[in-house]
Amino acid sequence: MSDFRFVSATALLSSVCFSAQALALTTSDVAASNLIYTHTYTSTPSTKPATSFVQLDKSYKLAGVCFLGFGECGNSQSFSAGEDFSIDTVKQCQNEGFNITSCAFPTYPTGVCPYNSNYYQSCQSDNARTCKESGYVNSCGEGYVKDNSQICSYDSSYYKCKCNPCDGYTYSYAEATADGYVEDGSCNSCGTMKYRRTENPCTGYLT
């Protein structure tokens, strides 16, 4: 009976020791597993765009598009080689109503196209310009007078000039101051001086 009790007690102690070792092993395995998990696991990347400038490297990036004349086209933008962005000035002028290239006299083109100076908006009459370009003036220089037979038909305030006829001034200076005569006034006729004369009164001489 004593031997049986001893054997039972020994078996029980062995069982307790084994269970303790198993428990220790299990606890150790869990700790190691947690250690591996902690050092190898990273958080799942978020698909949400960054909400601040600090997270720009984690946000989605959109390609910038620059059109000629629109948007911000800085030095970082580039265009494909061979692309031609020049303006067809003739078509641009015509599209904006500048279709005139010449006007019939006495009208003149007005409203120059900003894209091409050979195109104009309309033709208008300019009477003063017409008269001037036809040789008419509105004042005569010294030695000339208005020629009433040559008046501009587009504007009567313009006319042509002729030499001052100097009516009544028929003598040269030598003739006007000849013996017995004295000068009695002068007149400029296209740069030539003409004179009148009168008998010398010989003031202070009685006979």
C-alpha atoms as a PDB file:
ATOM      1  CA  MET A   1       0.000   0.000   0.000  1.00  0.00           C
ATOM      2  CA  SER A   2       2.802   2.364   0.841  1.00  0.00           C
ATOM      3  CA  ASP A   3       4.548   1.578  -2.412  1.00  0.00           C
ATOM      4  CA  PHE A   4       1.410   2.413  -4.380  1.00  0.00           C
ATOM      5  CA  ARG A   5       1.034   5.780  -2.698  1.00  0.00           C
ATOM      6  CA  PHE A   6       4.648   6.620  -3.413  1.00  0.00           C
ATOM      7  CA  VAL A   7       4.263   5.778  -7.084  1.00  0.00           C
ATOM      8  CA  SER A   8       1.079   7.869  -7.356  1.00  0.00           C
ATOM      9  CA  ALA A   9       2.671  10.860  -5.666  1.00  0.00           C
ATOM     10  CA  THR A  10       5.699  10.636  -7.964  1.00  0.00           C
ATOM     11  CA  ALA A  11       3.478  10.531 -11.072  1.00  0.00           C
ATOM     12  CA  LEU A  12       1.503  13.530  -9.840  1.00  0.00           C
ATOM     13  CA  LEU A  13       4.640  15.599  -9.248  1.00  0.00           C
ATOM     14  CA  SER A  14       5.928  14.674 -12.697  1.00  0.00           C
ATOM     15  CA  SER A  15       2.653  15.776 -14.218  1.00  0.00           C
ATOM     16  CA  VAL A  16       2.765  19.102 -12.383  1.00  0.00           C
ATOM     17  CA  CYS A  17       6.359  19.739 -13.516  1.00  0.00           C
ATOM     18  CA  PHE A  18       5.526  18.900 -17.098  1.00  0.00           C
ATOM     19  CA  SER A  19       2.493  21.173 -17.081  1.00  0.00           C
ATOM     20  CA  ALA A  20       4.583  24.016 -15.632  1.00  0.00           C
ATOM     21  CA  GLN A  21       7.195  23.560 -18.351  1.00  0.00           C
ATOM     22  CA  ALA A  22       4.497  23.486 -21.028  1.00  0.00           C
ATOM     23  CA  LEU A  23       2.955  26.658 -19.588  1.00  0.00           C
ATOM     24  CA  ALA A  24       6.342  28.379 -19.523  1.00  0.00           C
ATOM     25  CA  LEU A  25       7.003  27.363 -23.103  1.00  0.00           C
ATOM     26  CA  THR A  26       3.615  28.592 -24.235  1.00  0.00           C
ATOM     27  CA  THR A  27       4.090  31.951 -22.490  1.00  0.00           C
ATOM     28  CA  SER A  28       7.570  32.329 -24.036  1.00  0.00           C
ATOM     29  CA  ASP A  29       6.225  31.573 -27.511  1.00  0.00           C
ATOM     30  CA  VAL A  30       3.516  34.215 -27.185  1.00  0.00           C
ATOM     31  CA  ALA A  31       6.036  36.839 -26.062  1.00  0.00           C
ATOM     32  CA  ALA A  32       8.329  36.039 -28.974  1.00  0.00           C
ATOM     33  CA  SER A  33       5.426  36.201 -31.358  1.00  0.00           C
ATOM     34  CA  ASN A  34       4.441  39.616 -30.040  1.00  0.00           C
ATOM     35  CA  LEU A  35       8.047  40.803 -30.359  1.00  0.00           C
ATOM     36  CA  ILE A  36       8.210  39.713 -34.001  1.00  0.00           C
ATOM     37  CA  TYR A  37       4.810  41.332 -34.726  1.00  0.00           C
ATOM     38  CA  THR A  38       5.837  44.576 -33.087  1.00  0.00           C
ATOM     39  CA  HIS A  39       9.039  44.941 -35.110  1.00  0.00           C
ATOM     40  CA  THR A  40       7.743  43.769 -38.480  1.00  0.00           C
ATOM     41  CA  TYR A  41       4.218  45.168 -38.749  1.00  0.00           C
ATOM     42  CA  THR A  42       3.620  48.641 -40.167  1.00  0.00           C
ATOM     43  CA  SER A  43       0.336  50.495 -40.500  1.00  0.00           C
ATOM     44  CA  THR A  44      -1.631  50.071 -43.717  1.00  0.00           C
ATOM     45  CA  PRO A  45      -1.109  53.082 -46.065  1.00  0.00           C
ATOM     46  CA  SER A  46      -4.133  55.379 -46.278  1.00  0.00           C
ATOM     47  CA  THR A  47      -5.681  56.058 -49.661  1.00  0.00           C
ATOM     48  CA  LYS A  48      -6.977  59.435 -48.512  1.00  0.00           C
ATOM     49  CA  PRO A  49      -5.255  62.571 -49.945  1.00  0.00           C
ATOM     50  CA  ALA A  50      -3.051  64.496 -47.564  1.00  0.00           C
ATOM     51  CA  THR A  51      -4.855  67.328 -45.801  1.00  0.00           C
ATOM     52  CA  SER A  52      -1.852  69.498 -45.072  1.00  0.00           C
ATOM     53  CA  PHE A  53       1.371  70.630 -46.715  1.00  0.00           C
ATOM     54  CA  VAL A  54       3.310  68.409 -44.317  1.00  0.00           C
ATOM     55  CA  GLN A  55       1.749  65.314 -45.955  1.00  0.00           C
ATOM     56  CA  LEU A  56       2.209  66.328 -49.583  1.00  0.00           C
ATOM     57  CA  ASP A  57       4.581  63.400 -50.136  1.00  0.00           C
ATOM     58  CA  LYS A  58       1.783  61.010 -49.146  1.00  0.00           C
ATOM     59  CA  SER A  59      -0.948  62.575 -51.273  1.00  0.00           C
ATOM     60  CA  TYR A  60      -1.935  61.903 -54.847  1.00  0.00           C
ATOM     61  CA  LYS A  61      -0.122  64.098 -57.395  1.00  0.00           C
ATOM     62  CA  LEU A  62      -1.943  65.630 -60.383  1.00  0.00           C
ATOM     63  CA  ALA A  63      -0.207  66.553 -63.633  1.00  0.00           C
ATOM     64  CA  GLY A  64      -0.223  70.299 -64.449  1.00  0.00           C
ATOM     65  CA  VAL A  65      -1.485  71.390 -67.870  1.00  0.00           C
ATOM     66  CA  CYS A  66      -0.534  74.738 -69.433  1.00  0.00           C
ATOM     67  CA  PHE A  67      -2.246  76.218 -72.483  1.00  0.00           C
ATOM     68  CA  LEU A  68      -0.827  79.162 -74.412  1.00  0.00           C
ATOM     69  CA  GLY A  69      -2.355  82.297 -72.962  1.00  0.00           C
ATOM     70  CA  PHE A  70      -4.078  80.529 -70.069  1.00  0.00           C
ATOM     71  CA  GLY A  71      -2.925  79.377 -66.669  1.00  0.00           C
ATOM     72  CA  GLU A  72       0.496  79.772 -65.143  1.00  0.00           C
ATOM     73  CA  CYS A  73       3.113  78.783 -67.666  1.00  0.00           C
ATOM     74  CA  GLY A  74       6.358  79.015 -65.767  1.00  0.00           C
ATOM     75  CA  ASN A  75       9.842  77.766 -66.553  1.00  0.00           C
ATOM     76  CA  SER A  76       8.852  74.325 -65.320  1.00  0.00           C
ATOM     77  CA  GLN A  77       6.366  73.950 -68.172  1.00  0.00           C
ATOM     78  CA  SER A  78       7.533  72.794 -71.556  1.00  0.00           C
ATOM     79  CA  PHE A  79       6.069  72.278 -74.990  1.00  0.00           C
ATOM     80  CA  SER A  80       6.805  69.587 -77.484  1.00  0.00           C
ATOM     81  CA  ALA A  81       9.464  70.453 -80.019  1.00  0.00           C
ATOM     82  CA  GLY A  82       8.045  71.509 -83.369  1.00  0.00           C
ATOM     83  CA  GLU A  83       4.749  72.897 -82.010  1.00  0.00           C
ATOM     84  CA  ASP A  84       3.822  76.189 -83.724  1.00  0.00           C
ATOM     85  CA  PHE A  85       1.888  78.639 -81.579  1.00  0.00           C
ATOM     86  CA  SER A  86       2.211  81.624 -83.961  1.00  0.00           C
ATOM     87  CA  ILE A  87      -0.930  83.616 -84.823  1.00  0.00           C
ATOM     88  CA  ASP A  88      -2.290  83.895 -88.345  1.00  0.00           C
ATOM     89  CA  THR A  89      -2.566  87.693 -88.235  1.00  0.00           C
ATOM     90  CA  VAL A  90      -4.595  87.951 -91.440  1.00  0.00           C
ATOM     91  CA  LYS A  91      -7.297  85.564 -90.222  1.00  0.00           C
ATOM     92  CA  GLN A  92      -7.231  87.107 -86.762  1.00  0.00           C
ATOM     93  CA  CYS A  93      -7.846  90.573 -88.228  1.00  0.00           C
ATOM     94  CA  GLN A  94     -10.614  89.334 -90.500  1.00  0.00           C
ATOM     95  CA  ASN A  95     -12.308  87.456 -87.656  1.00  0.00           C
ATOM     96  CA  GLU A  96     -12.435  90.693 -85.662  1.00  0.00           C
ATOM     97  CA  GLY A  97     -13.863  92.801 -88.495  1.00  0.00           C
ATOM     98  CA  PHE A  98     -10.705  94.294 -90.000  1.00  0.00           C
ATOM     99  CA  ASN A  99     -11.262  93.462 -93.674  1.00  0.00           C
ATOM    100  CA  ILE A 100     -10.150  96.663 -95.436  1.00  0.00           C
ATOM    101  CA  THR A 101      -6.732  96.836 -97.072  1.00  0.00           C
ATOM    102  CA  SER A 102      -7.231  99.939 -99.263  1.00  0.00           C
ATOM    103  CA  CYS A 103      -9.765 102.733 -99.808  1.00  0.00           C
ATOM    104  CA  ALA A 104     -10.792 104.619-102.940  1.00  0.00           C
ATOM    105  CA  PHE A 105      -9.905 108.319-103.066  1.00  0.00           C
ATOM    106  CA  PRO A 106     -11.082 110.541-101.393  1.00  0.00           C
ATOM    107  CA  THR A 107     -11.703 108.129 -98.512  1.00  0.00           C
ATOM    108  CA  TYR A 108      -9.036 106.819 -96.185  1.00  0.00           C
ATOM    109  CA  PRO A 109      -8.723 103.685 -94.031  1.00  0.00           C
ATOM    110  CA  THR A 110      -9.391 104.068 -90.315  1.00  0.00           C
ATOM    111  CA  GLY A 111      -9.075 101.698 -87.358  1.00  0.00           C
ATOM    112  CA  VAL A 112      -5.815  99.803 -87.741  1.00  0.00           C
ATOM    113  CA  CYS A 113      -5.843  96.095 -86.832  1.00  0.00           C
ATOM    114  CA  PRO A 114      -3.580  95.507 -83.799  1.00  0.00           C
ATOM    115  CA  TYR A 115      -2.339  92.223 -85.274  1.00  0.00           C
ATOM    116  CA  ASN A 116      -1.513  93.418 -88.796  1.00  0.00           C
ATOM    117  CA  SER A 117      -1.164  97.086 -89.757  1.00  0.00           C
ATOM    118  CA  ASN A 118      -2.144  96.327 -93.366  1.00  0.00           C
ATOM    119  CA  TYR A 119      -5.769  95.710 -92.347  1.00  0.00           C
ATOM    120  CA  TYR A 120      -8.311  98.374 -91.368  1.00  0.00           C
ATOM    121  CA  GLN A 121     -11.821  98.526 -89.991  1.00  0.00           C
ATOM    122  CA  SER A 122     -13.457 100.954 -92.436  1.00  0.00           C
ATOM    123  CA  CYS A 123     -13.055 103.723 -95.039  1.00  0.00           C
ATOM    124  CA  GLN A 124     -14.033 107.274 -94.153  1.00  0.00           C
ATOM    125  CA  SER A 125     -13.972 110.605 -95.955  1.00  0.00           C
ATOM    126  CA  ASP A 126     -11.414 113.144 -94.679  1.00  0.00           C
ATOM    127  CA  ASN A 127     -12.049 116.319 -96.684  1.00  0.00           C
ATOM    128  CA  ALA A 128      -9.244 118.329 -95.110  1.00  0.00           C
ATOM    129  CA  ARG A 129      -6.733 115.572 -95.787  1.00  0.00           C
ATOM    130  CA  THR A 130      -8.026 115.210 -99.338  1.00  0.00           C
ATOM    131  CA  CYS A 131      -7.501 118.906-100.013  1.00  0.00           C
ATOM    132  CA  LYS A 132      -4.035 118.952 -98.469  1.00  0.00           C
ATOM    133  CA  GLU A 133      -2.901 115.922-100.449  1.00  0.00           C
ATOM    134  CA  SER A 134      -4.226 117.598-103.584  1.00  0.00           C
ATOM    135  CA  GLY A 135      -2.000 120.644-103.042  1.00  0.00           C
ATOM    136  CA  TYR A 136      -4.477 123.027-101.400  1.00  0.00           C
ATOM    137  CA  VAL A 137      -3.662 125.139 -98.343  1.00  0.00           C
ATOM    138  CA  ASN A 138      -5.604 127.341 -95.928  1.00  0.00           C
ATOM    139  CA  SER A 139      -3.084 130.196 -95.780  1.00  0.00           C
ATOM    140  CA  CYS A 140      -0.579 131.796 -98.134  1.00  0.00           C
ATOM    141  CA  GLY A 141       2.989 132.776 -97.446  1.00  0.00           C
ATOM    142  CA  GLU A 142       4.544 136.206 -97.847  1.00  0.00           C
ATOM    143  CA  GLY A 143       4.426 137.434-101.460  1.00  0.00           C
ATOM    144  CA  TYR A 144       1.406 135.232-102.268  1.00  0.00           C
ATOM    145  CA  VAL A 145      -2.345 135.697-102.136  1.00  0.00           C
ATOM    146  CA  LYS A 146      -5.375 133.430-102.362  1.00  0.00           C
ATOM    147  CA  ASP A 147      -6.267 132.342-105.871  1.00  0.00           C
ATOM    148  CA  ASN A 148     -10.054 132.456-105.948  1.00  0.00           C
ATOM    149  CA  SER A 149     -10.112 130.463-109.163  1.00  0.00           C
ATOM    150  CA  GLN A 150      -8.610 127.411-107.430  1.00  0.00           C
ATOM    151  CA  ILE A 151     -10.796 126.398-104.473  1.00  0.00           C
ATOM    152  CA  CYS A 152     -10.827 122.814-103.152  1.00  0.00           C
ATOM    153  CA  SER A 153     -14.137 121.163-104.037  1.00  0.00           C
ATOM    154  CA  TYR A 154     -14.118 119.023-100.880  1.00  0.00           C
ATOM    155  CA  ASP A 155     -13.582 121.909 -98.450  1.00  0.00           C
ATOM    156  CA  SER A 156     -13.853 125.536 -99.551  1.00  0.00           C
ATOM    157  CA  SER A 157     -11.563 126.694 -96.742  1.00  0.00           C
ATOM    158  CA  TYR A 158      -8.676 125.224 -98.742  1.00  0.00           C
ATOM    159  CA  TYR A 159      -7.342 126.834-101.890  1.00  0.00           C
ATOM    160  CA  LYS A 160      -4.214 127.430-103.924  1.00  0.00           C
ATOM    161  CA  CYS A 161      -2.076 130.539-103.910  1.00  0.00           C
ATOM    162  CA  LYS A 162      -0.671 132.799-106.605  1.00  0.00           C
ATOM    163  CA  CYS A 163       1.902 135.566-106.684  1.00  0.00           C
ATOM    164  CA  ASN A 164       0.655 138.839-105.303  1.00  0.00           C
ATOM    165  CA  PRO A 165      -0.061 140.951-108.412  1.00  0.00           C
ATOM    166  CA  CYS A 166       0.814 144.104-106.451  1.00  0.00           C
ATOM    167  CA  ASP A 167      -1.637 146.235-108.449  1.00  0.00           C
ATOM    168  CA  GLY A 168      -0.346 149.793-108.755  1.00  0.00           C
ATOM    169  CA  TYR A 169       3.204 148.824-107.928  1.00  0.00           C
ATOM    170  CA  THR A 170       4.752 148.950-111.374  1.00  0.00           C
ATOM    171  CA  TYR A 171       8.263 150.255-110.827  1.00  0.00           C
ATOM    172  CA  SER A 172      11.508 148.777-109.796  1.00  0.00           C
ATOM    173  CA  TYR A 173      13.449 150.454-107.026  1.00  0.00           C
ATOM    174  CA  ALA A 174      15.746 152.189-109.552  1.00  0.00           C
ATOM    175  CA  GLU A 175      12.787 153.540-111.464  1.00  0.00           C
ATOM    176  CA  ALA A 176      10.987 154.635-108.318  1.00  0.00           C
ATOM    177  CA  THR A 177      14.000 156.691-107.184  1.00  0.00           C
ATOM    178  CA  ALA A 178      15.020 158.172-110.547  1.00  0.00           C
ATOM    179  CA  ASP A 179      15.713 161.905-110.781  1.00  0.00           C
ATOM    180  CA  GLY A 180      12.624 163.884-109.913  1.00  0.00           C
ATOM    181  CA  TYR A 181      10.884 160.951-108.223  1.00  0.00           C
ATOM    182  CA  VAL A 182      10.738 159.358-104.805  1.00  0.00           C
ATOM    183  CA  GLU A 183       9.515 155.930-103.633  1.00  0.00           C
ATOM    184  CA  ASP A 184       5.858 155.803-102.627  1.00  0.00           C
ATOM    185  CA  GLY A 185       5.408 152.334-101.087  1.00  0.00           C
ATOM    186  CA  SER A 186       6.480 148.746-101.914  1.00  0.00           C
ATOM    187  CA  CYS A 187       4.892 145.324-102.476  1.00  0.00           C
ATOM    188  CA  ASN A 188       6.259 141.763-102.419  1.00  0.00           C
ATOM    189  CA  SER A 189       5.295 139.622-105.399  1.00  0.00           C
ATOM    190  CA  CYS A 190       6.613 136.065-104.910  1.00  0.00           C
ATOM    191  CA  GLY A 191       9.836 137.488-103.457  1.00  0.00           C
ATOM    192  CA  THR A 192      10.251 140.285-105.990  1.00  0.00           C
ATOM    193  CA  MET A 193       9.765 143.809-104.659  1.00  0.00           C
ATOM    194  CA  LYS A 194       7.735 146.289-106.728  1.00  0.00           C
ATOM    195  CA  TYR A 195       7.308 149.977-106.053  1.00  0.00           C
ATOM    196  CA  ARG A 196       5.182 152.971-106.644  1.00  0.00           C
ATOM    197  CA  ARG A 197       6.653 156.426-107.217  1.00  0.00           C
ATOM    198  CA  THR A 198       5.672 160.069-107.022  1.00  0.00           C
ATOM    199  CA  GLU A 199       7.249 163.334-108.077  1.00  0.00           C
ATOM    200  CA  ASN A 200       9.761 164.638-105.630  1.00  0.00           C
ATOM    201  CA  PRO A 201       7.997 167.427-103.729  1.00  0.00           C
ATOM    202  CA  CYS A 202      11.312 169.230-103.130  1.00  0.00           C
ATOM    203  CA  THR A 203      10.109 170.413 -99.787  1.00  0.00           C
ATOM    204  CA  GLY A 204      11.745 173.753 -98.842  1.00  0.00           C
ATOM    205  CA  TYR A 205      12.601 174.645-102.422  1.00  0.00           C
ATOM    206  CA  LEU A 206      10.403 177.473-103.875  1.00  0.00           C
ATOM    207  CA  THR A 207      11.509 177.516-107.517  1.00  0.00           C
END
